[in-house]
Amino acid sequence: MHHDHDHDSAATAVDPVCGMTVDPATAAATREHDGVTFFFCSLGCAKAFDADPHRYGHPTA
């Protein structure tokens, strides 16, 4: 049996600002911070990340 899938469910990321699941191939924006690539659902979320990347990229316990 053969299944054709356009999207691999393992190839998703979570927008660190709003928590939305994002397909990295179609993300509205990406940012590199401390060696990690972050993917965003919108430019608004990317701008919020830009304003305070440590708030989103490095949450405290």
PDB file of N, CA and C in Angstrom:
ATOM      1  N   MET A   1       0.842  -1.177   0.000  1.00  0.00           N
ATOM      2  CA  MET A   1       0.000   0.000   0.000  1.00  0.00           C
ATOM      3  C   MET A   1       0.890   1.245   0.000  1.00  0.00           C
ATOM      4  N   HIS A   2       0.572   2.206  -0.814  1.00  0.00           N
ATOM      5  CA  HIS A   2       1.376   3.417  -0.977  1.00  0.00           C
ATOM      6  C   HIS A   2       0.505   4.632  -0.673  1.00  0.00           C
ATOM      7  N   HIS A   3       1.043   5.513   0.165  1.00  0.00           N
ATOM      8  CA  HIS A   3       0.316   6.744   0.515  1.00  0.00           C
ATOM      9  C   HIS A   3       1.103   7.947   0.050  1.00  0.00           C
ATOM     10  N   ASP A   4       0.432   8.853  -0.627  1.00  0.00           N
ATOM     11  CA  ASP A   4       1.066  10.103  -1.032  1.00  0.00           C
ATOM     12  C   ASP A   4       0.655  11.192  -0.047  1.00  0.00           C
ATOM     13  N   HIS A   5       1.656  11.840   0.521  1.00  0.00           N
ATOM     14  CA  HIS A   5       1.387  12.921   1.457  1.00  0.00           C
ATOM     15  C   HIS A   5       2.123  14.163   0.996  1.00  0.00           C
ATOM     16  N   ASP A   6       1.402  15.266   0.920  1.00  0.00           N
ATOM     17  CA  ASP A   6       2.023  16.522   0.526  1.00  0.00           C
ATOM     18  C   ASP A   6       2.836  17.120   1.667  1.00  0.00           C
ATOM     19  N   HIS A   7       2.462  16.813   2.908  1.00  0.00           N
ATOM     20  CA  HIS A   7       3.133  17.403   4.062  1.00  0.00           C
ATOM     21  C   HIS A   7       3.526  16.310   5.035  1.00  0.00           C
ATOM     22  N   ASP A   8       4.714  16.430   5.569  1.00  0.00           N
ATOM     23  CA  ASP A   8       5.183  15.511   6.590  1.00  0.00           C
ATOM     24  C   ASP A   8       4.864  16.146   7.934  1.00  0.00           C
ATOM     25  N   SER A   9       4.060  15.495   8.747  1.00  0.00           N
ATOM     26  CA  SER A   9       3.643  16.088  10.013  1.00  0.00           C
ATOM     27  C   SER A   9       4.824  16.351  10.942  1.00  0.00           C
ATOM     28  N   ALA A  10       5.941  15.655  10.736  1.00  0.00           N
ATOM     29  CA  ALA A  10       7.123  15.884  11.566  1.00  0.00           C
ATOM     30  C   ALA A  10       7.834  17.174  11.165  1.00  0.00           C
ATOM     31  N   ALA A  11       7.540  17.678   9.982  1.00  0.00           N
ATOM     32  CA  ALA A  11       8.210  18.876   9.483  1.00  0.00           C
ATOM     33  C   ALA A  11       7.394  20.123   9.795  1.00  0.00           C
ATOM     34  N   THR A  12       7.093  20.306  11.076  1.00  0.00           N
ATOM     35  CA  THR A  12       6.382  21.508  11.499  1.00  0.00           C
ATOM     36  C   THR A  12       7.156  22.166  12.625  1.00  0.00           C
ATOM     37  N   ALA A  13       6.849  23.425  12.828  1.00  0.00           N
ATOM     38  CA  ALA A  13       7.473  24.187  13.904  1.00  0.00           C
ATOM     39  C   ALA A  13       6.366  24.932  14.634  1.00  0.00           C
ATOM     40  N   VAL A  14       6.671  25.405  15.819  1.00  0.00           N
ATOM     41  CA  VAL A  14       5.697  26.178  16.591  1.00  0.00           C
ATOM     42  C   VAL A  14       6.178  27.623  16.671  1.00  0.00           C
ATOM     43  N   ASP A  15       5.310  28.537  16.285  1.00  0.00           N
ATOM     44  CA  ASP A  15       5.614  29.963  16.389  1.00  0.00           C
ATOM     45  C   ASP A  15       5.811  30.266  17.881  1.00  0.00           C
ATOM     46  N   PRO A  16       6.998  30.753  18.276  1.00  0.00           N
ATOM     47  CA  PRO A  16       7.260  30.963  19.701  1.00  0.00           C
ATOM     48  C   PRO A  16       6.450  32.104  20.313  1.00  0.00           C
ATOM     49  N   VAL A  17       5.875  32.959  19.486  1.00  0.00           N
ATOM     50  CA  VAL A  17       5.116  34.093  20.001  1.00  0.00           C
ATOM     51  C   VAL A  17       3.662  33.710  20.287  1.00  0.00           C
ATOM     52  N   CYS A  18       2.988  33.114  19.297  1.00  0.00           N
ATOM     53  CA  CYS A  18       1.557  32.823  19.460  1.00  0.00           C
ATOM     54  C   CYS A  18       1.251  31.348  19.688  1.00  0.00           C
ATOM     55  N   GLY A  19       2.231  30.477  19.449  1.00  0.00           N
ATOM     56  CA  GLY A  19       2.021  29.050  19.675  1.00  0.00           C
ATOM     57  C   GLY A  19       1.396  28.312  18.507  1.00  0.00           C
ATOM     58  N   MET A  20       1.160  29.000  17.395  1.00  0.00           N
ATOM     59  CA  MET A  20       0.553  28.372  16.226  1.00  0.00           C
ATOM     60  C   MET A  20       1.532  27.409  15.562  1.00  0.00           C
ATOM     61  N   THR A  21       1.022  26.289  15.036  1.00  0.00           N
ATOM     62  CA  THR A  21       1.853  25.360  14.281  1.00  0.00           C
ATOM     63  C   THR A  21       2.108  25.966  12.906  1.00  0.00           C
ATOM     64  N   VAL A  22       3.379  25.962  12.494  1.00  0.00           N
ATOM     65  CA  VAL A  22       3.796  26.600  11.248  1.00  0.00           C
ATOM     66  C   VAL A  22       4.531  25.572  10.389  1.00  0.00           C
ATOM     67  N   ASP A  23       4.249  25.582   9.097  1.00  0.00           N
ATOM     68  CA  ASP A  23       5.009  24.770   8.148  1.00  0.00           C
ATOM     69  C   ASP A  23       6.246  25.581   7.784  1.00  0.00           C
ATOM     70  N   PRO A  24       7.447  25.111   8.123  1.00  0.00           N
ATOM     71  CA  PRO A  24       8.655  25.887   7.833  1.00  0.00           C
ATOM     72  C   PRO A  24       8.802  26.278   6.353  1.00  0.00           C
ATOM     73  N   ALA A  25       8.269  25.466   5.462  1.00  0.00           N
ATOM     74  CA  ALA A  25       8.382  25.765   4.030  1.00  0.00           C
ATOM     75  C   ALA A  25       7.544  26.968   3.624  1.00  0.00           C
ATOM     76  N   THR A  26       6.511  27.284   4.398  1.00  0.00           N
ATOM     77  CA  THR A  26       5.621  28.391   4.041  1.00  0.00           C
ATOM     78  C   THR A  26       5.512  29.440   5.148  1.00  0.00           C
ATOM     79  N   ALA A  27       6.438  29.415   6.093  1.00  0.00           N
ATOM     80  CA  ALA A  27       6.407  30.376   7.201  1.00  0.00           C
ATOM     81  C   ALA A  27       6.465  31.804   6.673  1.00  0.00           C
ATOM     82  N   ALA A  28       5.737  32.698   7.319  1.00  0.00           N
ATOM     83  CA  ALA A  28       5.719  34.111   6.908  1.00  0.00           C
ATOM     84  C   ALA A  28       7.071  34.769   7.143  1.00  0.00           C
ATOM     85  N   ALA A  29       7.804  34.279   8.155  1.00  0.00           N
ATOM     86  CA  ALA A  29       9.112  34.855   8.476  1.00  0.00           C
ATOM     87  C   ALA A  29       9.920  33.837   9.270  1.00  0.00           C
ATOM     88  N   THR A  30      11.227  34.010   9.237  1.00  0.00           N
ATOM     89  CA  THR A  30      12.115  33.204  10.064  1.00  0.00           C
ATOM     90  C   THR A  30      13.130  34.116  10.716  1.00  0.00           C
ATOM     91  N   ARG A  31      13.633  33.696  11.844  1.00  0.00           N
ATOM     92  CA  ARG A  31      14.701  34.427  12.528  1.00  0.00           C
ATOM     93  C   ARG A  31      15.701  33.417  13.055  1.00  0.00           C
ATOM     94  N   GLU A  32      16.960  33.783  13.020  1.00  0.00           N
ATOM     95  CA  GLU A  32      18.029  32.986  13.601  1.00  0.00           C
ATOM     96  C   GLU A  32      18.439  33.680  14.888  1.00  0.00           C
ATOM     97  N   HIS A  33      18.454  32.935  15.999  1.00  0.00           N
ATOM     98  CA  HIS A  33      18.829  33.530  17.283  1.00  0.00           C
ATOM     99  C   HIS A  33      19.583  32.491  18.096  1.00  0.00           C
ATOM    100  N   ASP A  34      20.802  32.819  18.490  1.00  0.00           N
ATOM    101  CA  ASP A  34      21.647  31.911  19.275  1.00  0.00           C
ATOM    102  C   ASP A  34      21.754  30.532  18.632  1.00  0.00           C
ATOM    103  N   GLY A  35      21.874  30.496  17.311  1.00  0.00           N
ATOM    104  CA  GLY A  35      22.061  29.236  16.602  1.00  0.00           C
ATOM    105  C   GLY A  35      20.795  28.430  16.374  1.00  0.00           C
ATOM    106  N   VAL A  36      19.643  28.990  16.717  1.00  0.00           N
ATOM    107  CA  VAL A  36      18.364  28.299  16.536  1.00  0.00           C
ATOM    108  C   VAL A  36      17.525  29.087  15.536  1.00  0.00           C
ATOM    109  N   THR A  37      16.884  28.386  14.594  1.00  0.00           N
ATOM    110  CA  THR A  37      15.994  29.044  13.645  1.00  0.00           C
ATOM    111  C   THR A  37      14.571  28.967  14.171  1.00  0.00           C
ATOM    112  N   PHE A  38      13.914  30.111  14.205  1.00  0.00           N
ATOM    113  CA  PHE A  38      12.526  30.201  14.642  1.00  0.00           C
ATOM    114  C   PHE A  38      11.657  30.531  13.436  1.00  0.00           C
ATOM    115  N   PHE A  39      10.460  29.961  13.397  1.00  0.00           N
ATOM    116  CA  PHE A  39       9.535  30.157  12.283  1.00  0.00           C
ATOM    117  C   PHE A  39       8.284  30.849  12.804  1.00  0.00           C
ATOM    118  N   PHE A  40       7.733  31.770  11.985  1.00  0.00           N
ATOM    119  CA  PHE A  40       6.611  32.590  12.422  1.00  0.00           C
ATOM    120  C   PHE A  40       5.449  32.515  11.450  1.00  0.00           C
ATOM    121  N   CYS A  41       4.236  32.596  12.016  1.00  0.00           N
ATOM    122  CA  CYS A  41       3.021  32.540  11.197  1.00  0.00           C
ATOM    123  C   CYS A  41       2.750  33.874  10.504  1.00  0.00           C
ATOM    124  N   SER A  42       3.304  34.947  11.064  1.00  0.00           N
ATOM    125  CA  SER A  42       3.040  36.278  10.512  1.00  0.00           C
ATOM    126  C   SER A  42       4.216  37.205  10.784  1.00  0.00           C
ATOM    127  N   LEU A  43       4.262  38.312  10.048  1.00  0.00           N
ATOM    128  CA  LEU A  43       5.307  39.304  10.289  1.00  0.00           C
ATOM    129  C   LEU A  43       5.120  39.969  11.647  1.00  0.00           C
ATOM    130  N   GLY A  44       3.870  40.052  12.112  1.00  0.00           N
ATOM    131  CA  GLY A  44       3.612  40.633  13.422  1.00  0.00           C
ATOM    132  C   GLY A  44       4.267  39.825  14.538  1.00  0.00           C
ATOM    133  N   CYS A  45       4.170  38.505  14.435  1.00  0.00           N
ATOM    134  CA  CYS A  45       4.822  37.659  15.442  1.00  0.00           C
ATOM    135  C   CYS A  45       6.337  37.789  15.347  1.00  0.00           C
ATOM    136  N   ALA A  46       6.868  37.872  14.136  1.00  0.00           N
ATOM    137  CA  ALA A  46       8.313  38.040  13.964  1.00  0.00           C
ATOM    138  C   ALA A  46       8.774  39.361  14.571  1.00  0.00           C
ATOM    139  N   LYS A  47       7.982  40.429  14.403  1.00  0.00           N
ATOM    140  CA  LYS A  47       8.345  41.727  14.980  1.00  0.00           C
ATOM    141  C   LYS A  47       8.318  41.680  16.505  1.00  0.00           C
ATOM    142  N   ALA A  48       7.332  40.972  17.075  1.00  0.00           N
ATOM    143  CA  ALA A  48       7.282  40.827  18.525  1.00  0.00           C
ATOM    144  C   ALA A  48       8.519  40.080  19.023  1.00  0.00           C
ATOM    145  N   PHE A  49       8.929  39.060  18.283  1.00  0.00           N
ATOM    146  CA  PHE A  49      10.134  38.308  18.626  1.00  0.00           C
ATOM    147  C   PHE A  49      11.359  39.217  18.546  1.00  0.00           C
ATOM    148  N   ASP A  50      11.444  40.009  17.472  1.00  0.00           N
ATOM    149  CA  ASP A  50      12.584  40.922  17.295  1.00  0.00           C
ATOM    150  C   ASP A  50      12.723  41.888  18.466  1.00  0.00           C
ATOM    151  N   ALA A  51      11.587  42.327  19.023  1.00  0.00           N
ATOM    152  CA  ALA A  51      11.604  43.296  20.113  1.00  0.00           C
ATOM    153  C   ALA A  51      12.171  42.698  21.402  1.00  0.00           C
ATOM    154  N   ASP A  52      12.009  41.390  21.596  1.00  0.00           N
ATOM    155  CA  ASP A  52      12.480  40.751  22.838  1.00  0.00           C
ATOM    156  C   ASP A  52      12.707  39.256  22.593  1.00  0.00           C
ATOM    157  N   PRO A  53      13.743  38.915  21.825  1.00  0.00           N
ATOM    158  CA  PRO A  53      13.948  37.506  21.464  1.00  0.00           C
ATOM    159  C   PRO A  53      14.172  36.585  22.656  1.00  0.00           C
ATOM    160  N   HIS A  54      14.766  37.079  23.703  1.00  0.00           N
ATOM    161  CA  HIS A  54      15.011  36.208  24.859  1.00  0.00           C
ATOM    162  C   HIS A  54      13.723  35.829  25.578  1.00  0.00           C
ATOM    163  N   ARG A  55      12.715  36.672  25.473  1.00  0.00           N
ATOM    164  CA  ARG A  55      11.412  36.341  26.080  1.00  0.00           C
ATOM    165  C   ARG A  55      10.819  35.105  25.414  1.00  0.00           C
ATOM    166  N   TYR A  56      10.984  35.006  24.092  1.00  0.00           N
ATOM    167  CA  TYR A  56      10.383  33.917  23.345  1.00  0.00           C
ATOM    168  C   TYR A  56      11.359  32.773  23.057  1.00  0.00           C
ATOM    169  N   GLY A  57      12.606  33.112  22.843  1.00  0.00           N
ATOM    170  CA  GLY A  57      13.570  32.095  22.457  1.00  0.00           C
ATOM    171  C   GLY A  57      14.178  31.354  23.611  1.00  0.00           C
ATOM    172  N   HIS A  58      14.140  31.957  24.789  1.00  0.00           N
ATOM    173  CA  HIS A  58      14.772  31.360  25.948  1.00  0.00           C
ATOM    174  C   HIS A  58      13.899  31.546  27.177  1.00  0.00           C
ATOM    175  N   PRO A  59      12.772  30.842  27.195  1.00  0.00           N
ATOM    176  CA  PRO A  59      11.874  31.009  28.346  1.00  0.00           C
ATOM    177  C   PRO A  59      12.547  30.566  29.647  1.00  0.00           C
ATOM    178  N   THR A  60      12.187  31.219  30.722  1.00  0.00           N
ATOM    179  CA  THR A  60      12.741  30.847  32.021  1.00  0.00           C
ATOM    180  C   THR A  60      11.815  29.855  32.695  1.00  0.00           C
ATOM    181  N   ALA A  61      12.377  29.045  33.548  1.00  0.00           N
ATOM    182  CA  ALA A  61      11.576  28.001  34.218  1.00  0.00           C
ATOM    183  C   ALA A  61      10.678  28.598  35.277  1.00  0.00           C
TER     184      ALA A  61
END
